[in-house]
Amino acid sequence: MNRKVAIVGMLMLALFSAPLRAQERRVFKGEVVDRKIGARYVLSNTEDKTVYHLDDEKAAAPFAGDDVLVVGSLDETTGTIHVSEMMRLLPPKVMKAVLVYVDCFDCPREKAAVKKVGVLEVGKWKRFYLSSNPRRTDLIFLFSEAPYLGDYITRDKPPGRPVPVEVMYMNVIDPQTGQSLWTDYRKWGSWFVGPAAQDLIVQFKSQVDAQEGRTASLLAFDADQNRKAPPNEGK
């Protein structure tokens, strides 16, 4: 009798755990391909020869033709990824970088705190060496309270435009061209510019790690639905 109960229990566990495994969130890599017909957008990976449908066409459309990371769960019966988040692969300039310079624009009152946090987080990461010269570095981590205009190289003084102090932007910049290679922001207010800078670096780190095959931090970051809320909210 006990053996029969045990067997039934095992069968029930297998029955209910299979759908859970199918819906487990993962990180997928590939190119977003627009097939122009039917379920238009698919994720194609030539390395492992997989092709998956993407369930969110609106989210996929801006990435058509791009190599991306996709966070989502796979429905193996239909070959469809239920997309949680999608991001372009970081360019080789980022992935091969060694030196990083941390800077802050348009945030004079909080500049010391933001730069201190940025330097501390880069040091903890232990992937990059910190540079003391923005002209002799591989990347610039630029924090600002206004959107970046692509003018890091040409600008020699604050632009004088209105600054929305409630927002903290981070851009990873190519010091040779001034091009932004990655960007995001936090709308946490002037009291939380330090934690906002820290969270942005953690987010960027999670994407770098995932691109190199270490996906745990990106999955954890994506699971935190309150990541763009200030530290005293959503808890």
C-alpha atoms as a PDB file:
ATOM      1  CA  MET A   1       0.000   0.000   0.000  1.00  0.00           C
ATOM      2  CA  ASN A   2       2.739   2.420   0.954  1.00  0.00           C
ATOM      3  CA  ARG A   3       4.574   1.591  -2.274  1.00  0.00           C
ATOM      4  CA  LYS A   4       1.479   2.376  -4.336  1.00  0.00           C
ATOM      5  CA  VAL A   5       1.048   5.698  -2.544  1.00  0.00           C
ATOM      6  CA  ALA A   6       4.682   6.537  -3.181  1.00  0.00           C
ATOM      7  CA  ILE A   7       4.359   5.722  -6.902  1.00  0.00           C
ATOM      8  CA  VAL A   8       1.200   7.820  -7.233  1.00  0.00           C
ATOM      9  CA  GLY A   9       2.947  10.670  -5.429  1.00  0.00           C
ATOM     10  CA  MET A  10       5.898  10.507  -7.797  1.00  0.00           C
ATOM     11  CA  LEU A  11       3.629  10.508 -10.835  1.00  0.00           C
ATOM     12  CA  MET A  12       1.702  13.506  -9.523  1.00  0.00           C
ATOM     13  CA  LEU A  13       4.954  15.353  -8.822  1.00  0.00           C
ATOM     14  CA  ALA A  14       6.200  14.675 -12.346  1.00  0.00           C
ATOM     15  CA  LEU A  15       2.855  15.741 -13.821  1.00  0.00           C
ATOM     16  CA  PHE A  16       2.790  19.103 -12.045  1.00  0.00           C
ATOM     17  CA  SER A  17       6.499  19.872 -12.215  1.00  0.00           C
ATOM     18  CA  ALA A  18       6.718  19.468 -16.010  1.00  0.00           C
ATOM     19  CA  PRO A  19       4.697  22.615 -16.759  1.00  0.00           C
ATOM     20  CA  LEU A  20       6.747  24.473 -14.165  1.00  0.00           C
ATOM     21  CA  ARG A  21       9.971  23.465 -15.866  1.00  0.00           C
ATOM     22  CA  ALA A  22       8.549  24.526 -19.230  1.00  0.00           C
ATOM     23  CA  GLN A  23       7.750  27.954 -17.833  1.00  0.00           C
ATOM     24  CA  GLU A  24      11.066  28.478 -16.053  1.00  0.00           C
ATOM     25  CA  ARG A  25      12.594  31.830 -16.902  1.00  0.00           C
ATOM     26  CA  ARG A  26      15.806  31.665 -18.904  1.00  0.00           C
ATOM     27  CA  VAL A  27      18.088  33.887 -20.923  1.00  0.00           C
ATOM     28  CA  PHE A  28      18.126  33.239 -24.657  1.00  0.00           C
ATOM     29  CA  LYS A  29      20.572  34.628 -27.212  1.00  0.00           C
ATOM     30  CA  GLY A  30      20.101  35.098 -30.942  1.00  0.00           C
ATOM     31  CA  GLU A  31      19.027  37.373 -33.784  1.00  0.00           C
ATOM     32  CA  VAL A  32      15.525  38.803 -34.036  1.00  0.00           C
ATOM     33  CA  VAL A  33      14.307  37.891 -37.515  1.00  0.00           C
ATOM     34  CA  ASP A  34      11.241  39.442 -39.151  1.00  0.00           C
ATOM     35  CA  ARG A  35       9.645  36.750 -41.321  1.00  0.00           C
ATOM     36  CA  LYS A  36       7.061  39.235 -42.663  1.00  0.00           C
ATOM     37  CA  ILE A  37       4.249  36.678 -42.362  1.00  0.00           C
ATOM     38  CA  GLY A  38       2.182  35.045 -39.626  1.00  0.00           C
ATOM     39  CA  ALA A  39       3.865  35.154 -36.243  1.00  0.00           C
ATOM     40  CA  ARG A  40       6.389  37.556 -37.675  1.00  0.00           C
ATOM     41  CA  TYR A  41       9.253  37.743 -35.207  1.00  0.00           C
ATOM     42  CA  VAL A  42      11.441  34.805 -34.237  1.00  0.00           C
ATOM     43  CA  LEU A  43      14.679  34.442 -32.310  1.00  0.00           C
ATOM     44  CA  SER A  44      17.228  32.572 -34.403  1.00  0.00           C
ATOM     45  CA  ASN A  45      20.438  31.177 -32.932  1.00  0.00           C
ATOM     46  CA  THR A  46      22.780  29.774 -35.568  1.00  0.00           C
ATOM     47  CA  GLU A  47      25.165  28.357 -32.965  1.00  0.00           C
ATOM     48  CA  ASP A  48      22.731  25.890 -31.422  1.00  0.00           C
ATOM     49  CA  LYS A  49      20.432  25.898 -34.500  1.00  0.00           C
ATOM     50  CA  THR A  50      17.285  26.917 -32.632  1.00  0.00           C
ATOM     51  CA  VAL A  51      14.419  29.107 -33.799  1.00  0.00           C
ATOM     52  CA  TYR A  52      11.784  30.297 -31.323  1.00  0.00           C
ATOM     53  CA  HIS A  53       8.701  32.414 -31.829  1.00  0.00           C
ATOM     54  CA  LEU A  54       8.513  35.639 -29.795  1.00  0.00           C
ATOM     55  CA  ASP A  55       5.094  36.259 -28.276  1.00  0.00           C
ATOM     56  CA  ASP A  56       5.421  40.048 -27.958  1.00  0.00           C
ATOM     57  CA  GLU A  57       5.638  41.462 -31.494  1.00  0.00           C
ATOM     58  CA  LYS A  58       5.459  45.059 -30.284  1.00  0.00           C
ATOM     59  CA  ALA A  59       8.504  44.520 -28.072  1.00  0.00           C
ATOM     60  CA  ALA A  60      10.370  42.580 -30.760  1.00  0.00           C
ATOM     61  CA  ALA A  61       9.824  45.015 -33.663  1.00  0.00           C
ATOM     62  CA  PRO A  62      12.506  47.606 -32.679  1.00  0.00           C
ATOM     63  CA  PHE A  63      15.088  44.801 -32.445  1.00  0.00           C
ATOM     64  CA  ALA A  64      14.519  43.298 -35.911  1.00  0.00           C
ATOM     65  CA  GLY A  65      17.884  42.376 -37.404  1.00  0.00           C
ATOM     66  CA  ASP A  66      19.724  42.802 -34.093  1.00  0.00           C
ATOM     67  CA  ASP A  67      21.538  40.253 -31.952  1.00  0.00           C
ATOM     68  CA  VAL A  68      19.869  40.266 -28.535  1.00  0.00           C
ATOM     69  CA  LEU A  69      19.483  38.704 -25.133  1.00  0.00           C
ATOM     70  CA  VAL A  70      15.915  37.730 -24.261  1.00  0.00           C
ATOM     71  CA  VAL A  71      14.713  37.013 -20.733  1.00  0.00           C
ATOM     72  CA  GLY A  72      11.597  34.883 -20.773  1.00  0.00           C
ATOM     73  CA  SER A  73      10.022  31.466 -20.414  1.00  0.00           C
ATOM     74  CA  LEU A  74       9.779  28.883 -23.187  1.00  0.00           C
ATOM     75  CA  ASP A  75       6.590  27.052 -24.040  1.00  0.00           C
ATOM     76  CA  GLU A  76       8.148  23.915 -25.471  1.00  0.00           C
ATOM     77  CA  THR A  77       4.868  22.705 -26.986  1.00  0.00           C
ATOM     78  CA  THR A  78       4.629  25.718 -29.292  1.00  0.00           C
ATOM     79  CA  GLY A  79       8.272  26.802 -29.407  1.00  0.00           C
ATOM     80  CA  THR A  80       7.291  30.261 -28.174  1.00  0.00           C
ATOM     81  CA  ILE A  81       9.225  32.467 -25.796  1.00  0.00           C
ATOM     82  CA  HIS A  82       7.043  34.539 -23.477  1.00  0.00           C
ATOM     83  CA  VAL A  83       9.177  37.670 -23.383  1.00  0.00           C
ATOM     84  CA  SER A  84       9.874  39.451 -20.115  1.00  0.00           C
ATOM     85  CA  GLU A  85      12.709  41.666 -21.327  1.00  0.00           C
ATOM     86  CA  MET A  86      14.836  42.114 -24.434  1.00  0.00           C
ATOM     87  CA  MET A  87      18.144  43.926 -24.895  1.00  0.00           C
ATOM     88  CA  ARG A  88      20.702  44.333 -27.674  1.00  0.00           C
ATOM     89  CA  LEU A  89      24.023  42.565 -27.256  1.00  0.00           C
ATOM     90  CA  LEU A  90      26.743  44.858 -26.001  1.00  0.00           C
ATOM     91  CA  PRO A  91      29.364  45.633 -28.677  1.00  0.00           C
ATOM     92  CA  PRO A  92      32.914  44.215 -28.592  1.00  0.00           C
ATOM     93  CA  LYS A  93      34.167  47.649 -27.476  1.00  0.00           C
ATOM     94  CA  VAL A  94      32.386  47.054 -24.155  1.00  0.00           C
ATOM     95  CA  MET A  95      33.146  43.378 -23.770  1.00  0.00           C
ATOM     96  CA  LYS A  96      36.885  43.833 -24.388  1.00  0.00           C
ATOM     97  CA  ALA A  97      37.300  46.960 -22.253  1.00  0.00           C
ATOM     98  CA  VAL A  98      39.866  47.062 -19.453  1.00  0.00           C
ATOM     99  CA  LEU A  99      39.943  50.702 -18.265  1.00  0.00           C
ATOM    100  CA  VAL A 100      36.919  52.691 -17.074  1.00  0.00           C
ATOM    101  CA  TYR A 101      36.637  56.371 -16.178  1.00  0.00           C
ATOM    102  CA  VAL A 102      33.672  57.408 -13.988  1.00  0.00           C
ATOM    103  CA  ASP A 103      32.220  60.883 -14.560  1.00  0.00           C
ATOM    104  CA  CYS A 104      29.125  62.927 -13.760  1.00  0.00           C
ATOM    105  CA  PHE A 105      27.475  65.759 -15.754  1.00  0.00           C
ATOM    106  CA  ASP A 106      24.777  68.203 -14.671  1.00  0.00           C
ATOM    107  CA  CYS A 107      24.638  67.036 -11.066  1.00  0.00           C
ATOM    108  CA  PRO A 108      26.857  69.515  -9.165  1.00  0.00           C
ATOM    109  CA  ARG A 109      25.277  69.079  -5.725  1.00  0.00           C
ATOM    110  CA  GLU A 110      25.326  65.306  -5.782  1.00  0.00           C
ATOM    111  CA  LYS A 111      28.366  64.872  -8.041  1.00  0.00           C
ATOM    112  CA  ALA A 112      30.708  63.796  -5.258  1.00  0.00           C
ATOM    113  CA  ALA A 113      28.283  61.143  -3.978  1.00  0.00           C
ATOM    114  CA  VAL A 114      27.464  59.781  -7.436  1.00  0.00           C
ATOM    115  CA  LYS A 115      31.076  59.567  -8.537  1.00  0.00           C
ATOM    116  CA  LYS A 116      32.072  57.973  -5.233  1.00  0.00           C
ATOM    117  CA  VAL A 117      29.390  55.310  -5.618  1.00  0.00           C
ATOM    118  CA  GLY A 118      30.366  54.711  -9.240  1.00  0.00           C
ATOM    119  CA  VAL A 119      34.035  54.286  -8.383  1.00  0.00           C
ATOM    120  CA  LEU A 120      33.165  51.967  -5.471  1.00  0.00           C
ATOM    121  CA  GLU A 121      30.899  49.740  -7.596  1.00  0.00           C
ATOM    122  CA  VAL A 122      33.434  49.467 -10.421  1.00  0.00           C
ATOM    123  CA  GLY A 123      36.070  48.526  -7.850  1.00  0.00           C
ATOM    124  CA  LYS A 124      33.826  45.845  -6.328  1.00  0.00           C
ATOM    125  CA  TRP A 125      33.102  44.417  -9.767  1.00  0.00           C
ATOM    126  CA  LYS A 126      36.818  43.618 -10.297  1.00  0.00           C
ATOM    127  CA  ARG A 127      36.390  43.409 -14.057  1.00  0.00           C
ATOM    128  CA  PHE A 128      37.823  46.832 -14.922  1.00  0.00           C
ATOM    129  CA  TYR A 129      40.702  48.995 -13.779  1.00  0.00           C
ATOM    130  CA  LEU A 130      39.763  52.553 -12.880  1.00  0.00           C
ATOM    131  CA  SER A 131      41.271  55.274 -15.043  1.00  0.00           C
ATOM    132  CA  SER A 132      42.009  58.790 -13.796  1.00  0.00           C
ATOM    133  CA  ASN A 133      42.030  60.270 -17.298  1.00  0.00           C
ATOM    134  CA  PRO A 134      38.954  60.391 -19.586  1.00  0.00           C
ATOM    135  CA  ARG A 135      41.280  60.584 -22.605  1.00  0.00           C
ATOM    136  CA  ARG A 136      43.115  57.415 -21.629  1.00  0.00           C
ATOM    137  CA  THR A 137      40.397  54.895 -21.005  1.00  0.00           C
ATOM    138  CA  ASP A 138      38.408  52.247 -22.857  1.00  0.00           C
ATOM    139  CA  LEU A 139      34.990  53.290 -21.545  1.00  0.00           C
ATOM    140  CA  ILE A 140      33.412  56.189 -19.692  1.00  0.00           C
ATOM    141  CA  PHE A 141      30.609  55.563 -17.200  1.00  0.00           C
ATOM    142  CA  LEU A 142      28.764  58.867 -17.366  1.00  0.00           C
ATOM    143  CA  PHE A 143      26.050  59.799 -14.861  1.00  0.00           C
ATOM    144  CA  SER A 144      23.830  62.809 -15.493  1.00  0.00           C
ATOM    145  CA  GLU A 145      20.506  64.290 -14.472  1.00  0.00           C
ATOM    146  CA  ALA A 146      19.611  65.037 -18.100  1.00  0.00           C
ATOM    147  CA  PRO A 147      19.584  62.839 -21.206  1.00  0.00           C
ATOM    148  CA  TYR A 148      22.971  62.453 -22.855  1.00  0.00           C
ATOM    149  CA  LEU A 149      23.261  64.417 -26.118  1.00  0.00           C
ATOM    150  CA  GLY A 150      26.293  62.616 -27.528  1.00  0.00           C
ATOM    151  CA  ASP A 151      28.508  65.605 -26.769  1.00  0.00           C
ATOM    152  CA  TYR A 152      30.967  64.265 -24.202  1.00  0.00           C
ATOM    153  CA  ILE A 153      33.992  64.939 -26.403  1.00  0.00           C
ATOM    154  CA  THR A 154      32.937  68.372 -27.679  1.00  0.00           C
ATOM    155  CA  ARG A 155      31.366  69.822 -24.548  1.00  0.00           C
ATOM    156  CA  ASP A 156      33.594  71.884 -22.264  1.00  0.00           C
ATOM    157  CA  LYS A 157      30.996  73.417 -19.940  1.00  0.00           C
ATOM    158  CA  PRO A 158      27.485  72.687 -18.597  1.00  0.00           C
ATOM    159  CA  PRO A 159      24.878  73.223 -21.331  1.00  0.00           C
ATOM    160  CA  GLY A 160      22.607  75.489 -19.299  1.00  0.00           C
ATOM    161  CA  ARG A 161      19.485  73.565 -20.206  1.00  0.00           C
ATOM    162  CA  PRO A 162      16.828  72.731 -17.554  1.00  0.00           C
ATOM    163  CA  VAL A 163      17.878  69.783 -15.412  1.00  0.00           C
ATOM    164  CA  PRO A 164      15.184  67.424 -14.033  1.00  0.00           C
ATOM    165  CA  VAL A 165      16.816  66.549 -10.719  1.00  0.00           C
ATOM    166  CA  GLU A 166      14.492  63.603 -10.088  1.00  0.00           C
ATOM    167  CA  VAL A 167      16.143  61.478 -12.819  1.00  0.00           C
ATOM    168  CA  MET A 168      19.565  59.828 -12.898  1.00  0.00           C
ATOM    169  CA  TYR A 169      20.854  58.614 -16.271  1.00  0.00           C
ATOM    170  CA  MET A 170      23.793  56.334 -16.899  1.00  0.00           C
ATOM    171  CA  ASN A 171      25.544  56.089 -20.274  1.00  0.00           C
ATOM    172  CA  VAL A 172      28.471  53.852 -21.161  1.00  0.00           C
ATOM    173  CA  ILE A 173      30.406  55.956 -23.658  1.00  0.00           C
ATOM    174  CA  ASP A 174      33.084  55.280 -26.236  1.00  0.00           C
ATOM    175  CA  PRO A 175      35.712  57.941 -25.385  1.00  0.00           C
ATOM    176  CA  GLN A 176      36.951  58.020 -28.987  1.00  0.00           C
ATOM    177  CA  THR A 177      33.621  58.819 -30.628  1.00  0.00           C
ATOM    178  CA  GLY A 178      31.373  60.043 -27.813  1.00  0.00           C
ATOM    179  CA  GLN A 179      28.799  57.396 -28.793  1.00  0.00           C
ATOM    180  CA  SER A 180      26.633  55.898 -26.070  1.00  0.00           C
ATOM    181  CA  LEU A 181      27.017  52.113 -26.118  1.00  0.00           C
ATOM    182  CA  TRP A 182      24.485  51.435 -23.333  1.00  0.00           C
ATOM    183  CA  THR A 183      22.040  53.589 -21.393  1.00  0.00           C
ATOM    184  CA  ASP A 184      19.254  53.466 -18.832  1.00  0.00           C
ATOM    185  CA  TYR A 185      17.887  55.640 -16.047  1.00  0.00           C
ATOM    186  CA  ARG A 186      16.229  55.715 -12.639  1.00  0.00           C
ATOM    187  CA  LYS A 187      13.571  58.239 -11.663  1.00  0.00           C
ATOM    188  CA  TRP A 188      14.240  58.112  -7.930  1.00  0.00           C
ATOM    189  CA  GLY A 189      14.531  61.788  -7.011  1.00  0.00           C
ATOM    190  CA  SER A 190      17.448  63.862  -5.754  1.00  0.00           C
ATOM    191  CA  TRP A 191      17.546  62.056  -2.386  1.00  0.00           C
ATOM    192  CA  PHE A 192      18.467  58.756  -4.049  1.00  0.00           C
ATOM    193  CA  VAL A 193      20.993  59.638  -6.743  1.00  0.00           C
ATOM    194  CA  GLY A 194      23.640  57.484  -5.043  1.00  0.00           C
ATOM    195  CA  PRO A 195      21.484  54.326  -4.850  1.00  0.00           C
ATOM    196  CA  ALA A 196      20.256  55.039  -8.395  1.00  0.00           C
ATOM    197  CA  ALA A 197      23.830  55.103  -9.699  1.00  0.00           C
ATOM    198  CA  GLN A 198      24.583  51.881  -7.834  1.00  0.00           C
ATOM    199  CA  ASP A 199      21.511  50.125  -9.239  1.00  0.00           C
ATOM    200  CA  LEU A 200      22.339  51.173 -12.798  1.00  0.00           C
ATOM    201  CA  ILE A 201      25.831  49.710 -12.537  1.00  0.00           C
ATOM    202  CA  VAL A 202      24.383  46.482 -11.099  1.00  0.00           C
ATOM    203  CA  GLN A 203      21.989  46.311 -14.059  1.00  0.00           C
ATOM    204  CA  PHE A 204      24.793  46.894 -16.567  1.00  0.00           C
ATOM    205  CA  LYS A 205      26.953  44.274 -14.841  1.00  0.00           C
ATOM    206  CA  SER A 206      24.128  41.727 -15.029  1.00  0.00           C
ATOM    207  CA  GLN A 207      23.918  42.185 -18.795  1.00  0.00           C
ATOM    208  CA  VAL A 208      27.688  41.856 -19.251  1.00  0.00           C
ATOM    209  CA  ASP A 209      27.649  38.682 -17.153  1.00  0.00           C
ATOM    210  CA  ALA A 210      24.709  37.214 -19.088  1.00  0.00           C
ATOM    211  CA  GLN A 211      26.393  37.894 -22.411  1.00  0.00           C
ATOM    212  CA  GLU A 212      29.336  35.830 -21.175  1.00  0.00           C
ATOM    213  CA  GLY A 213      27.045  32.997 -20.101  1.00  0.00           C
ATOM    214  CA  ARG A 214      26.566  33.844 -16.412  1.00  0.00           C
ATOM    215  CA  THR A 215      22.837  34.481 -16.389  1.00  0.00           C
ATOM    216  CA  ALA A 216      21.904  34.263 -12.695  1.00  0.00           C
ATOM    217  CA  SER A 217      22.303  37.976 -11.942  1.00  0.00           C
ATOM    218  CA  LEU A 218      20.272  39.067 -14.983  1.00  0.00           C
ATOM    219  CA  LEU A 219      17.461  36.666 -14.086  1.00  0.00           C
ATOM    220  CA  ALA A 220      17.469  37.953 -10.512  1.00  0.00           C
ATOM    221  CA  PHE A 221      17.480  41.553 -11.705  1.00  0.00           C
ATOM    222  CA  ASP A 222      14.612  40.938 -14.131  1.00  0.00           C
ATOM    223  CA  ALA A 223      12.593  39.214 -11.393  1.00  0.00           C
ATOM    224  CA  ASP A 224      12.697  42.344  -9.255  1.00  0.00           C
ATOM    225  CA  GLN A 225       9.637  44.155 -10.582  1.00  0.00           C
ATOM    226  CA  ASN A 226      10.333  47.127  -8.329  1.00  0.00           C
ATOM    227  CA  ARG A 227      13.871  47.740  -9.547  1.00  0.00           C
ATOM    228  CA  LYS A 228      12.976  51.192 -10.896  1.00  0.00           C
ATOM    229  CA  ALA A 229      11.342  52.297  -7.651  1.00  0.00           C
ATOM    230  CA  PRO A 230      13.305  54.145  -4.960  1.00  0.00           C
ATOM    231  CA  PRO A 231      14.753  52.002  -2.164  1.00  0.00           C
ATOM    232  CA  ASN A 232      12.016  52.991   0.311  1.00  0.00           C
ATOM    233  CA  GLU A 233       9.206  51.970  -2.039  1.00  0.00           C
ATOM    234  CA  GLY A 234       7.902  48.614  -3.159  1.00  0.00           C
ATOM    235  CA  LYS A 235       9.062  46.839  -0.015  1.00  0.00           C
END
